[in-house]
Amino acid sequence: THTSFSPWIIVKANDKRAARLESIRYVL
């Protein structure tokens, strides 16, 4: 299900704060 038009974005979430900030940054 990883496709060019709908790819999977992996967030390394062992650090909750970093995961929150960087996922927001990715969407922006």
mmCIF file of all heavy atoms, coordinates in Angstrom:
data_MODEL
# 
_entry.id   MODEL 
# 
loop_
_atom_site.group_PDB 
_atom_site.id 
_atom_site.type_symbol 
_atom_site.label_atom_id 
_atom_site.label_alt_id 
_atom_site.label_comp_id 
_atom_site.label_asym_id 
_atom_site.label_entity_id 
_atom_site.label_seq_id 
_atom_site.pdbx_PDB_ins_code 
_atom_site.Cartn_x 
_atom_site.Cartn_y 
_atom_site.Cartn_z 
_atom_site.occupancy 
_atom_site.B_iso_or_equiv 
_atom_site.pdbx_formal_charge 
_atom_site.auth_seq_id 
_atom_site.auth_comp_id 
_atom_site.auth_asym_id 
_atom_site.auth_atom_id 
_atom_site.pdbx_PDB_model_num 
ATOM 1   N N   . THR A 1 1  ? 0.811  -1.236 0.000  1.00 0.00 ? 1  THR A N   1 
ATOM 2   C CA  . THR A 1 1  ? 0.000  0.000  0.000  1.00 0.00 ? 1  THR A CA  1 
ATOM 3   C C   . THR A 1 1  ? 0.834  1.272  0.000  1.00 0.00 ? 1  THR A C   1 
ATOM 4   O O   . THR A 1 1  ? 0.276  2.365  0.051  1.00 0.00 ? 1  THR A O   1 
ATOM 5   C CB  . THR A 1 1  ? -0.962 0.025  1.205  1.00 0.00 ? 1  THR A CB  1 
ATOM 6   O OG1 . THR A 1 1  ? -0.207 0.062  2.425  1.00 0.00 ? 1  THR A OG1 1 
ATOM 7   C CG2 . THR A 1 1  ? -1.870 -1.196 1.214  1.00 0.00 ? 1  THR A CG2 1 
ATOM 8   N N   . HIS A 1 2  ? 2.149  1.153  -0.069 1.00 0.00 ? 2  HIS A N   1 
ATOM 9   C CA  . HIS A 1 2  ? 3.012  2.332  -0.211 1.00 0.00 ? 2  HIS A CA  1 
ATOM 10  C C   . HIS A 1 2  ? 3.110  2.662  -1.689 1.00 0.00 ? 2  HIS A C   1 
ATOM 11  O O   . HIS A 1 2  ? 3.685  1.904  -2.467 1.00 0.00 ? 2  HIS A O   1 
ATOM 12  C CB  . HIS A 1 2  ? 4.392  2.049  0.372  1.00 0.00 ? 2  HIS A CB  1 
ATOM 13  C CG  . HIS A 1 2  ? 5.371  3.175  0.171  1.00 0.00 ? 2  HIS A CG  1 
ATOM 14  N ND1 . HIS A 1 2  ? 5.300  4.358  0.872  1.00 0.00 ? 2  HIS A ND1 1 
ATOM 15  C CD2 . HIS A 1 2  ? 6.441  3.281  -0.665 1.00 0.00 ? 2  HIS A CD2 1 
ATOM 16  C CE1 . HIS A 1 2  ? 6.292  5.156  0.495  1.00 0.00 ? 2  HIS A CE1 1 
ATOM 17  N NE2 . HIS A 1 2  ? 6.988  4.521  -0.444 1.00 0.00 ? 2  HIS A NE2 1 
ATOM 18  N N   . THR A 1 3  ? 2.487  3.757  -2.102 1.00 0.00 ? 3  THR A N   1 
ATOM 19  C CA  . THR A 1 3  ? 2.424  4.108  -3.525 1.00 0.00 ? 3  THR A CA  1 
ATOM 20  C C   . THR A 1 3  ? 2.934  5.526  -3.734 1.00 0.00 ? 3  THR A C   1 
ATOM 21  O O   . THR A 1 3  ? 3.056  6.304  -2.781 1.00 0.00 ? 3  THR A O   1 
ATOM 22  C CB  . THR A 1 3  ? 0.976  4.026  -4.041 1.00 0.00 ? 3  THR A CB  1 
ATOM 23  O OG1 . THR A 1 3  ? 0.153  4.932  -3.272 1.00 0.00 ? 3  THR A OG1 1 
ATOM 24  C CG2 . THR A 1 3  ? 0.421  2.604  -3.888 1.00 0.00 ? 3  THR A CG2 1 
ATOM 25  N N   . SER A 1 4  ? 3.206  5.864  -4.978 1.00 0.00 ? 4  SER A N   1 
ATOM 26  C CA  . SER A 1 4  ? 3.694  7.210  -5.284 1.00 0.00 ? 4  SER A CA  1 
ATOM 27  C C   . SER A 1 4  ? 2.640  8.265  -4.990 1.00 0.00 ? 4  SER A C   1 
ATOM 28  O O   . SER A 1 4  ? 2.961  9.389  -4.602 1.00 0.00 ? 4  SER A O   1 
ATOM 29  C CB  . SER A 1 4  ? 4.125  7.289  -6.752 1.00 0.00 ? 4  SER A CB  1 
ATOM 30  O OG  . SER A 1 4  ? 3.023  6.979  -7.601 1.00 0.00 ? 4  SER A OG  1 
ATOM 31  N N   . PHE A 1 5  ? 1.364  7.922  -5.183 1.00 0.00 ? 5  PHE A N   1 
ATOM 32  C CA  . PHE A 1 5  ? 0.288  8.895  -4.957 1.00 0.00 ? 5  PHE A CA  1 
ATOM 33  C C   . PHE A 1 5  ? -0.203 8.907  -3.508 1.00 0.00 ? 5  PHE A C   1 
ATOM 34  O O   . PHE A 1 5  ? -0.873 9.834  -3.077 1.00 0.00 ? 5  PHE A O   1 
ATOM 35  C CB  . PHE A 1 5  ? -0.893 8.622  -5.905 1.00 0.00 ? 5  PHE A CB  1 
ATOM 36  C CG  . PHE A 1 5  ? -1.415 7.211  -5.850 1.00 0.00 ? 5  PHE A CG  1 
ATOM 37  C CD1 . PHE A 1 5  ? -2.339 6.832  -4.892 1.00 0.00 ? 5  PHE A CD1 1 
ATOM 38  C CD2 . PHE A 1 5  ? -0.977 6.262  -6.762 1.00 0.00 ? 5  PHE A CD2 1 
ATOM 39  C CE1 . PHE A 1 5  ? -2.822 5.532  -4.841 1.00 0.00 ? 5  PHE A CE1 1 
ATOM 40  C CE2 . PHE A 1 5  ? -1.453 4.955  -6.722 1.00 0.00 ? 5  PHE A CE2 1 
ATOM 41  C CZ  . PHE A 1 5  ? -2.371 4.588  -5.744 1.00 0.00 ? 5  PHE A CZ  1 
ATOM 42  N N   . SER A 1 6  ? 0.119  7.865  -2.733 1.00 0.00 ? 6  SER A N   1 
ATOM 43  C CA  . SER A 1 6  ? -0.301 7.805  -1.329 1.00 0.00 ? 6  SER A CA  1 
ATOM 44  C C   . SER A 1 6  ? 0.766  7.065  -0.518 1.00 0.00 ? 6  SER A C   1 
ATOM 45  O O   . SER A 1 6  ? 0.569  5.931  -0.098 1.00 0.00 ? 6  SER A O   1 
ATOM 46  C CB  . SER A 1 6  ? -1.660 7.094  -1.208 1.00 0.00 ? 6  SER A CB  1 
ATOM 47  O OG  . SER A 1 6  ? -2.112 7.100  0.132  1.00 0.00 ? 6  SER A OG  1 
ATOM 48  N N   . PRO A 1 7  ? 1.913  7.733  -0.287 1.00 0.00 ? 7  PRO A N   1 
ATOM 49  C CA  . PRO A 1 7  ? 3.032  7.066  0.379  1.00 0.00 ? 7  PRO A CA  1 
ATOM 50  C C   . PRO A 1 7  ? 2.846  6.978  1.891  1.00 0.00 ? 7  PRO A C   1 
ATOM 51  O O   . PRO A 1 7  ? 2.085  7.750  2.484  1.00 0.00 ? 7  PRO A O   1 
ATOM 52  C CB  . PRO A 1 7  ? 4.214  7.973  0.040  1.00 0.00 ? 7  PRO A CB  1 
ATOM 53  C CG  . PRO A 1 7  ? 3.595  9.339  -0.068 1.00 0.00 ? 7  PRO A CG  1 
ATOM 54  C CD  . PRO A 1 7  ? 2.239  9.115  -0.693 1.00 0.00 ? 7  PRO A CD  1 
ATOM 55  N N   . TRP A 1 8  ? 3.542  6.057  2.515  1.00 0.00 ? 8  TRP A N   1 
ATOM 56  C CA  . TRP A 1 8  ? 3.595  5.974  3.974  1.00 0.00 ? 8  TRP A CA  1 
ATOM 57  C C   . TRP A 1 8  ? 4.702  6.884  4.487  1.00 0.00 ? 8  TRP A C   1 
ATOM 58  O O   . TRP A 1 8  ? 5.826  6.883  3.963  1.00 0.00 ? 8  TRP A O   1 
ATOM 59  C CB  . TRP A 1 8  ? 3.865  4.542  4.425  1.00 0.00 ? 8  TRP A CB  1 
ATOM 60  C CG  . TRP A 1 8  ? 2.625  3.711  4.471  1.00 0.00 ? 8  TRP A CG  1 
ATOM 61  C CD1 . TRP A 1 8  ? 2.234  2.748  3.594  1.00 0.00 ? 8  TRP A CD1 1 
ATOM 62  C CD2 . TRP A 1 8  ? 1.586  3.775  5.471  1.00 0.00 ? 8  TRP A CD2 1 
ATOM 63  N NE1 . TRP A 1 8  ? 1.022  2.209  3.967  1.00 0.00 ? 8  TRP A NE1 1 
ATOM 64  C CE2 . TRP A 1 8  ? 0.601  2.821  5.121  1.00 0.00 ? 8  TRP A CE2 1 
ATOM 65  C CE3 . TRP A 1 8  ? 1.389  4.546  6.624  1.00 0.00 ? 8  TRP A CE3 1 
ATOM 66  C CZ2 . TRP A 1 8  ? -0.557 2.618  5.874  1.00 0.00 ? 8  TRP A CZ2 1 
ATOM 67  C CZ3 . TRP A 1 8  ? 0.244  4.350  7.377  1.00 0.00 ? 8  TRP A CZ3 1 
ATOM 68  C CH2 . TRP A 1 8  ? -0.714 3.396  6.999  1.00 0.00 ? 8  TRP A CH2 1 
ATOM 69  N N   . ILE A 1 9  ? 4.374  7.640  5.536  1.00 0.00 ? 9  ILE A N   1 
ATOM 70  C CA  . ILE A 1 9  ? 5.349  8.507  6.185  1.00 0.00 ? 9  ILE A CA  1 
ATOM 71  C C   . ILE A 1 9  ? 5.646  7.910  7.566  1.00 0.00 ? 9  ILE A C   1 
ATOM 72  O O   . ILE A 1 9  ? 4.742  7.771  8.388  1.00 0.00 ? 9  ILE A O   1 
ATOM 73  C CB  . ILE A 1 9  ? 4.817  9.951  6.329  1.00 0.00 ? 9  ILE A CB  1 
ATOM 74  C CG1 . ILE A 1 9  ? 4.314  10.474 4.976  1.00 0.00 ? 9  ILE A CG1 1 
ATOM 75  C CG2 . ILE A 1 9  ? 5.885  10.853 6.932  1.00 0.00 ? 9  ILE A CG2 1 
ATOM 76  C CD1 . ILE A 1 9  ? 5.347  10.454 3.870  1.00 0.00 ? 9  ILE A CD1 1 
ATOM 77  N N   . ILE A 1 10 ? 6.895  7.544  7.800  1.00 0.00 ? 10 ILE A N   1 
ATOM 78  C CA  . ILE A 1 10 ? 7.287  6.893  9.041  1.00 0.00 ? 10 ILE A CA  1 
ATOM 79  C C   . ILE A 1 10 ? 7.758  7.948  10.043 1.00 0.00 ? 10 ILE A C   1 
ATOM 80  O O   . ILE A 1 10 ? 8.624  8.776  9.724  1.00 0.00 ? 10 ILE A O   1 
ATOM 81  C CB  . ILE A 1 10 ? 8.413  5.868  8.813  1.00 0.00 ? 10 ILE A CB  1 
ATOM 82  C CG1 . ILE A 1 10 ? 8.050  4.933  7.660  1.00 0.00 ? 10 ILE A CG1 1 
ATOM 83  C CG2 . ILE A 1 10 ? 8.688  5.098  10.098 1.00 0.00 ? 10 ILE A CG2 1 
ATOM 84  C CD1 . ILE A 1 10 ? 6.771  4.151  7.863  1.00 0.00 ? 10 ILE A CD1 1 
ATOM 85  N N   . VAL A 1 11 ? 7.182  7.904  11.240 1.00 0.00 ? 11 VAL A N   1 
ATOM 86  C CA  . VAL A 1 11 ? 7.570  8.817  12.318 1.00 0.00 ? 11 VAL A CA  1 
ATOM 87  C C   . VAL A 1 11 ? 8.216  7.993  13.431 1.00 0.00 ? 11 VAL A C   1 
ATOM 88  O O   . VAL A 1 11 ? 7.586  7.104  13.994 1.00 0.00 ? 11 VAL A O   1 
ATOM 89  C CB  . VAL A 1 11 ? 6.352  9.575  12.889 1.00 0.00 ? 11 VAL A CB  1 
ATOM 90  C CG1 . VAL A 1 11 ? 6.800  10.546 13.992 1.00 0.00 ? 11 VAL A CG1 1 
ATOM 91  C CG2 . VAL A 1 11 ? 5.608  10.314 11.788 1.00 0.00 ? 11 VAL A CG2 1 
ATOM 92  N N   . LYS A 1 12 ? 9.468  8.259  13.722 1.00 0.00 ? 12 LYS A N   1 
ATOM 93  C CA  . LYS A 1 12 ? 10.146 7.579  14.824 1.00 0.00 ? 12 LYS A CA  1 
ATOM 94  C C   . LYS A 1 12 ? 9.666  8.217  16.136 1.00 0.00 ? 12 LYS A C   1 
ATOM 95  O O   . LYS A 1 12 ? 9.991  9.361  16.438 1.00 0.00 ? 12 LYS A O   1 
ATOM 96  C CB  . LYS A 1 12 ? 11.662 7.700  14.676 1.00 0.00 ? 12 LYS A CB  1 
ATOM 97  C CG  . LYS A 1 12 ? 12.190 7.001  13.434 1.00 0.00 ? 12 LYS A CG  1 
ATOM 98  C CD  . LYS A 1 12 ? 13.685 7.185  13.277 1.00 0.00 ? 12 LYS A CD  1 
ATOM 99  C CE  . LYS A 1 12 ? 14.190 6.511  12.001 1.00 0.00 ? 12 LYS A CE  1 
ATOM 100 N NZ  . LYS A 1 12 ? 15.634 6.758  11.780 1.00 0.00 ? 12 LYS A NZ  1 
ATOM 101 N N   . ALA A 1 13 ? 8.890  7.440  16.879 1.00 0.00 ? 13 ALA A N   1 
ATOM 102 C CA  . ALA A 1 13 ? 8.103  8.021  17.974 1.00 0.00 ? 13 ALA A CA  1 
ATOM 103 C C   . ALA A 1 13 ? 8.543  7.572  19.362 1.00 0.00 ? 13 ALA A C   1 
ATOM 104 O O   . ALA A 1 13 ? 7.790  7.735  20.322 1.00 0.00 ? 13 ALA A O   1 
ATOM 105 C CB  . ALA A 1 13 ? 6.619  7.695  17.766 1.00 0.00 ? 13 ALA A CB  1 
ATOM 106 N N   . ASN A 1 14 ? 9.762  7.036  19.501 1.00 0.00 ? 14 ASN A N   1 
ATOM 107 C CA  . ASN A 1 14 ? 10.240 6.738  20.850 1.00 0.00 ? 14 ASN A CA  1 
ATOM 108 C C   . ASN A 1 14 ? 10.313 8.002  21.699 1.00 0.00 ? 14 ASN A C   1 
ATOM 109 O O   . ASN A 1 14 ? 10.096 7.966  22.905 1.00 0.00 ? 14 ASN A O   1 
ATOM 110 C CB  . ASN A 1 14 ? 11.627 6.083  20.793 1.00 0.00 ? 14 ASN A CB  1 
ATOM 111 C CG  . ASN A 1 14 ? 11.546 4.595  20.504 1.00 0.00 ? 14 ASN A CG  1 
ATOM 112 O OD1 . ASN A 1 14 ? 10.465 3.999  20.521 1.00 0.00 ? 14 ASN A OD1 1 
ATOM 113 N ND2 . ASN A 1 14 ? 12.683 3.977  20.238 1.00 0.00 ? 14 ASN A ND2 1 
ATOM 114 N N   . ASP A 1 15 ? 10.634 9.130  21.057 1.00 0.00 ? 15 ASP A N   1 
ATOM 115 C CA  . ASP A 1 15 ? 10.617 10.440 21.707 1.00 0.00 ? 15 ASP A CA  1 
ATOM 116 C C   . ASP A 1 15 ? 9.305  11.120 21.319 1.00 0.00 ? 15 ASP A C   1 
ATOM 117 O O   . ASP A 1 15 ? 9.144  11.579 20.193 1.00 0.00 ? 15 ASP A O   1 
ATOM 118 C CB  . ASP A 1 15 ? 11.822 11.267 21.241 1.00 0.00 ? 15 ASP A CB  1 
ATOM 119 C CG  . ASP A 1 15 ? 11.906 12.637 21.911 1.00 0.00 ? 15 ASP A CG  1 
ATOM 120 O OD1 . ASP A 1 15 ? 10.857 13.184 22.325 1.00 0.00 ? 15 ASP A OD1 1 
ATOM 121 O OD2 . ASP A 1 15 ? 13.020 13.173 21.996 1.00 0.00 ? 15 ASP A OD2 1 
ATOM 122 N N   . LYS A 1 16 ? 8.369  11.182 22.266 1.00 0.00 ? 16 LYS A N   1 
ATOM 123 C CA  . LYS A 1 16 ? 7.035  11.712 21.955 1.00 0.00 ? 16 LYS A CA  1 
ATOM 124 C C   . LYS A 1 16 ? 7.084  13.150 21.479 1.00 0.00 ? 16 LYS A C   1 
ATOM 125 O O   . LYS A 1 16 ? 6.381  13.535 20.533 1.00 0.00 ? 16 LYS A O   1 
ATOM 126 C CB  . LYS A 1 16 ? 6.137  11.617 23.192 1.00 0.00 ? 16 LYS A CB  1 
ATOM 127 C CG  . LYS A 1 16 ? 5.565  10.256 23.476 1.00 0.00 ? 16 LYS A CG  1 
ATOM 128 C CD  . LYS A 1 16 ? 4.573  10.336 24.629 1.00 0.00 ? 16 LYS A CD  1 
ATOM 129 C CE  . LYS A 1 16 ? 3.929  8.989  24.909 1.00 0.00 ? 16 LYS A CE  1 
ATOM 130 N NZ  . LYS A 1 16 ? 2.942  9.079  26.011 1.00 0.00 ? 16 LYS A NZ  1 
ATOM 131 N N   . ARG A 1 17 ? 7.877  13.963 22.150 1.00 0.00 ? 17 ARG A N   1 
ATOM 132 C CA  . ARG A 1 17 ? 7.914  15.386 21.785 1.00 0.00 ? 17 ARG A CA  1 
ATOM 133 C C   . ARG A 1 17 ? 8.444  15.587 20.377 1.00 0.00 ? 17 ARG A C   1 
ATOM 134 O O   . ARG A 1 17 ? 7.876  16.363 19.597 1.00 0.00 ? 17 ARG A O   1 
ATOM 135 C CB  . ARG A 1 17 ? 8.753  16.156 22.803 1.00 0.00 ? 17 ARG A CB  1 
ATOM 136 C CG  . ARG A 1 17 ? 8.087  16.319 24.164 1.00 0.00 ? 17 ARG A CG  1 
ATOM 137 C CD  . ARG A 1 17 ? 8.974  17.054 25.135 1.00 0.00 ? 17 ARG A CD  1 
ATOM 138 N NE  . ARG A 1 17 ? 8.292  17.338 26.386 1.00 0.00 ? 17 ARG A NE  1 
ATOM 139 C CZ  . ARG A 1 17 ? 8.871  17.901 27.437 1.00 0.00 ? 17 ARG A CZ  1 
ATOM 140 N NH1 . ARG A 1 17 ? 10.155 18.242 27.379 1.00 0.00 ? 17 ARG A NH1 1 
ATOM 141 N NH2 . ARG A 1 17 ? 8.179  18.131 28.552 1.00 0.00 ? 17 ARG A NH2 1 
ATOM 142 N N   . ALA A 1 18 ? 9.512  14.892 20.043 1.00 0.00 ? 18 ALA A N   1 
ATOM 143 C CA  . ALA A 1 18 ? 10.065 15.019 18.692 1.00 0.00 ? 18 ALA A CA  1 
ATOM 144 C C   . ALA A 1 18 ? 9.059  14.533 17.660 1.00 0.00 ? 18 ALA A C   1 
ATOM 145 O O   . ALA A 1 18 ? 8.895  15.144 16.599 1.00 0.00 ? 18 ALA A O   1 
ATOM 146 C CB  . ALA A 1 18 ? 11.370 14.239 18.585 1.00 0.00 ? 18 ALA A CB  1 
ATOM 147 N N   . ALA A 1 19 ? 8.363  13.446 17.958 1.00 0.00 ? 19 ALA A N   1 
ATOM 148 C CA  . ALA A 1 19 ? 7.374  12.909 17.020 1.00 0.00 ? 19 ALA A CA  1 
ATOM 149 C C   . ALA A 1 19 ? 6.259  13.919 16.762 1.00 0.00 ? 19 ALA A C   1 
ATOM 150 O O   . ALA A 1 19 ? 5.809  14.089 15.628 1.00 0.00 ? 19 ALA A O   1 
ATOM 151 C CB  . ALA A 1 19 ? 6.793  11.606 17.566 1.00 0.00 ? 19 ALA A CB  1 
ATOM 152 N N   . ARG A 1 20 ? 5.810  14.581 17.820 1.00 0.00 ? 20 ARG A N   1 
ATOM 153 C CA  . ARG A 1 20 ? 4.741  15.572 17.662 1.00 0.00 ? 20 ARG A CA  1 
ATOM 154 C C   . ARG A 1 20 ? 5.209  16.743 16.796 1.00 0.00 ? 20 ARG A C   1 
ATOM 155 O O   . ARG A 1 20 ? 4.518  17.145 15.844 1.00 0.00 ? 20 ARG A O   1 
ATOM 156 C CB  . ARG A 1 20 ? 4.293  16.071 19.033 1.00 0.00 ? 20 ARG A CB  1 
ATOM 157 C CG  . ARG A 1 20 ? 3.568  15.030 19.867 1.00 0.00 ? 20 ARG A CG  1 
ATOM 158 C CD  . ARG A 1 20 ? 3.472  15.466 21.319 1.00 0.00 ? 20 ARG A CD  1 
ATOM 159 N NE  . ARG A 1 20 ? 2.871  14.427 22.153 1.00 0.00 ? 20 ARG A NE  1 
ATOM 160 C CZ  . ARG A 1 20 ? 2.867  14.445 23.487 1.00 0.00 ? 20 ARG A CZ  1 
ATOM 161 N NH1 . ARG A 1 20 ? 3.465  15.457 24.123 1.00 0.00 ? 20 ARG A NH1 1 
ATOM 162 N NH2 . ARG A 1 20 ? 2.297  13.480 24.161 1.00 0.00 ? 20 ARG A NH2 1 
ATOM 163 N N   . LEU A 1 21 ? 6.368  17.285 17.133 1.00 0.00 ? 21 LEU A N   1 
ATOM 164 C CA  . LEU A 1 21 ? 6.845  18.452 16.405 1.00 0.00 ? 21 LEU A CA  1 
ATOM 165 C C   . LEU A 1 21 ? 7.116  18.127 14.943 1.00 0.00 ? 21 LEU A C   1 
ATOM 166 O O   . LEU A 1 21 ? 6.711  18.883 14.044 1.00 0.00 ? 21 LEU A O   1 
ATOM 167 C CB  . LEU A 1 21 ? 8.125  18.988 17.055 1.00 0.00 ? 21 LEU A CB  1 
ATOM 168 C CG  . LEU A 1 21 ? 8.003  19.545 18.482 1.00 0.00 ? 21 LEU A CG  1 
ATOM 169 C CD1 . LEU A 1 21 ? 9.374  20.002 18.984 1.00 0.00 ? 21 LEU A CD1 1 
ATOM 170 C CD2 . LEU A 1 21 ? 7.008  20.702 18.557 1.00 0.00 ? 21 LEU A CD2 1 
ATOM 171 N N   . GLU A 1 22 ? 7.778  17.006 14.691 1.00 0.00 ? 22 GLU A N   1 
ATOM 172 C CA  . GLU A 1 22 ? 8.195  16.702 13.319 1.00 0.00 ? 22 GLU A CA  1 
ATOM 173 C C   . GLU A 1 22 ? 7.035  16.253 12.441 1.00 0.00 ? 22 GLU A C   1 
ATOM 174 O O   . GLU A 1 22 ? 7.038  16.500 11.237 1.00 0.00 ? 22 GLU A O   1 
ATOM 175 C CB  . GLU A 1 22 ? 9.309  15.667 13.321 1.00 0.00 ? 22 GLU A CB  1 
ATOM 176 C CG  . GLU A 1 22 ? 10.565 16.098 14.073 1.00 0.00 ? 22 GLU A CG  1 
ATOM 177 C CD  . GLU A 1 22 ? 11.085 17.475 13.660 1.00 0.00 ? 22 GLU A CD  1 
ATOM 178 O OE1 . GLU A 1 22 ? 11.051 17.794 12.449 1.00 0.00 ? 22 GLU A OE1 1 
ATOM 179 O OE2 . GLU A 1 22 ? 11.494 18.234 14.547 1.00 0.00 ? 22 GLU A OE2 1 
ATOM 180 N N   . SER A 1 23 ? 6.020  15.607 13.013 1.00 0.00 ? 23 SER A N   1 
ATOM 181 C CA  . SER A 1 23 ? 4.858  15.257 12.201 1.00 0.00 ? 23 SER A CA  1 
ATOM 182 C C   . SER A 1 23 ? 4.076  16.513 11.815 1.00 0.00 ? 23 SER A C   1 
ATOM 183 O O   . SER A 1 23 ? 3.576  16.615 10.688 1.00 0.00 ? 23 SER A O   1 
ATOM 184 C CB  . SER A 1 23 ? 3.962  14.252 12.922 1.00 0.00 ? 23 SER A CB  1 
ATOM 185 O OG  . SER A 1 23 ? 3.548  14.738 14.178 1.00 0.00 ? 23 SER A OG  1 
ATOM 186 N N   . ILE A 1 24 ? 3.985  17.471 12.735 1.00 0.00 ? 24 ILE A N   1 
ATOM 187 C CA  . ILE A 1 24 ? 3.356  18.760 12.376 1.00 0.00 ? 24 ILE A CA  1 
ATOM 188 C C   . ILE A 1 24 ? 4.167  19.429 11.281 1.00 0.00 ? 24 ILE A C   1 
ATOM 189 O O   . ILE A 1 24 ? 3.615  19.935 10.287 1.00 0.00 ? 24 ILE A O   1 
ATOM 190 C CB  . ILE A 1 24 ? 3.233  19.663 13.608 1.00 0.00 ? 24 ILE A CB  1 
ATOM 191 C CG1 . ILE A 1 24 ? 2.242  19.081 14.614 1.00 0.00 ? 24 ILE A CG1 1 
ATOM 192 C CG2 . ILE A 1 24 ? 2.781  21.074 13.188 1.00 0.00 ? 24 ILE A CG2 1 
ATOM 193 C CD1 . ILE A 1 24 ? 2.163  19.842 15.932 1.00 0.00 ? 24 ILE A CD1 1 
ATOM 194 N N   . ARG A 1 25 ? 5.483  19.448 11.451 1.00 0.00 ? 25 ARG A N   1 
ATOM 195 C CA  . ARG A 1 25 ? 6.336  20.068 10.438 1.00 0.00 ? 25 ARG A CA  1 
ATOM 196 C C   . ARG A 1 25 ? 6.138  19.401 9.075  1.00 0.00 ? 25 ARG A C   1 
ATOM 197 O O   . ARG A 1 25 ? 6.113  20.082 8.040  1.00 0.00 ? 25 ARG A O   1 
ATOM 198 C CB  . ARG A 1 25 ? 7.809  19.960 10.853 1.00 0.00 ? 25 ARG A CB  1 
ATOM 199 C CG  . ARG A 1 25 ? 8.348  21.200 11.549 1.00 0.00 ? 25 ARG A CG  1 
ATOM 200 C CD  . ARG A 1 25 ? 9.855  21.133 11.668 1.00 0.00 ? 25 ARG A CD  1 
ATOM 201 N NE  . ARG A 1 25 ? 10.248 20.795 13.003 1.00 0.00 ? 25 ARG A NE  1 
ATOM 202 C CZ  . ARG A 1 25 ? 10.480 21.679 13.971 1.00 0.00 ? 25 ARG A CZ  1 
ATOM 203 N NH1 . ARG A 1 25 ? 10.340 22.971 13.726 1.00 0.00 ? 25 ARG A NH1 1 
ATOM 204 N NH2 . ARG A 1 25 ? 10.845 21.293 15.167 1.00 0.00 ? 25 ARG A NH2 1 
ATOM 205 N N   . TYR A 1 26 ? 6.008  18.072 9.071  1.00 0.00 ? 26 TYR A N   1 
ATOM 206 C CA  . TYR A 1 26 ? 5.834  17.380 7.787  1.00 0.00 ? 26 TYR A CA  1 
ATOM 207 C C   . TYR A 1 26 ? 4.562  17.842 7.085  1.00 0.00 ? 26 TYR A C   1 
ATOM 208 O O   . TYR A 1 26 ? 4.582  18.117 5.875  1.00 0.00 ? 26 TYR A O   1 
ATOM 209 C CB  . TYR A 1 26 ? 5.795  15.864 7.986  1.00 0.00 ? 26 TYR A CB  1 
ATOM 210 C CG  . TYR A 1 26 ? 5.580  15.162 6.667  1.00 0.00 ? 26 TYR A CG  1 
ATOM 211 C CD1 . TYR A 1 26 ? 6.651  14.883 5.832  1.00 0.00 ? 26 TYR A CD1 1 
ATOM 212 C CD2 . TYR A 1 26 ? 4.300  14.859 6.225  1.00 0.00 ? 26 TYR A CD2 1 
ATOM 213 C CE1 . TYR A 1 26 ? 6.452  14.300 4.592  1.00 0.00 ? 26 TYR A CE1 1 
ATOM 214 C CE2 . TYR A 1 26 ? 4.089  14.273 4.982  1.00 0.00 ? 26 TYR A CE2 1 
ATOM 215 C CZ  . TYR A 1 26 ? 5.167  14.000 4.176  1.00 0.00 ? 26 TYR A CZ  1 
ATOM 216 O OH  . TYR A 1 26 ? 4.963  13.442 2.935  1.00 0.00 ? 26 TYR A OH  1 
ATOM 217 N N   . VAL A 1 27 ? 3.454  17.922 7.817  1.00 0.00 ? 27 VAL A N   1 
ATOM 218 C CA  . VAL A 1 27 ? 2.200  18.360 7.206  1.00 0.00 ? 27 VAL A CA  1 
ATOM 219 C C   . VAL A 1 27 ? 2.337  19.783 6.678  1.00 0.00 ? 27 VAL A C   1 
ATOM 220 O O   . VAL A 1 27 ? 1.906  20.089 5.553  1.00 0.00 ? 27 VAL A O   1 
ATOM 221 C CB  . VAL A 1 27 ? 1.037  18.250 8.218  1.00 0.00 ? 27 VAL A CB  1 
ATOM 222 C CG1 . VAL A 1 27 ? -0.223 18.934 7.681  1.00 0.00 ? 27 VAL A CG1 1 
ATOM 223 C CG2 . VAL A 1 27 ? 0.747  16.787 8.543  1.00 0.00 ? 27 VAL A CG2 1 
ATOM 224 N N   . LEU A 1 28 ? 2.959  20.656 7.449  1.00 0.00 ? 28 LEU A N   1 
ATOM 225 C CA  . LEU A 1 28 ? 3.139  22.040 7.001  1.00 0.00 ? 28 LEU A CA  1 
ATOM 226 C C   . LEU A 1 28 ? 4.008  22.089 5.744  1.00 0.00 ? 28 LEU A C   1 
ATOM 227 O O   . LEU A 1 28 ? 3.746  22.877 4.827  1.00 0.00 ? 28 LEU A O   1 
ATOM 228 C CB  . LEU A 1 28 ? 3.789  22.869 8.112  1.00 0.00 ? 28 LEU A CB  1 
ATOM 229 C CG  . LEU A 1 28 ? 2.945  23.084 9.368  1.00 0.00 ? 28 LEU A CG  1 
ATOM 230 C CD1 . LEU A 1 28 ? 3.780  23.739 10.467 1.00 0.00 ? 28 LEU A CD1 1 
ATOM 231 C CD2 . LEU A 1 28 ? 1.712  23.932 9.075  1.00 0.00 ? 28 LEU A CD2 1 
# 
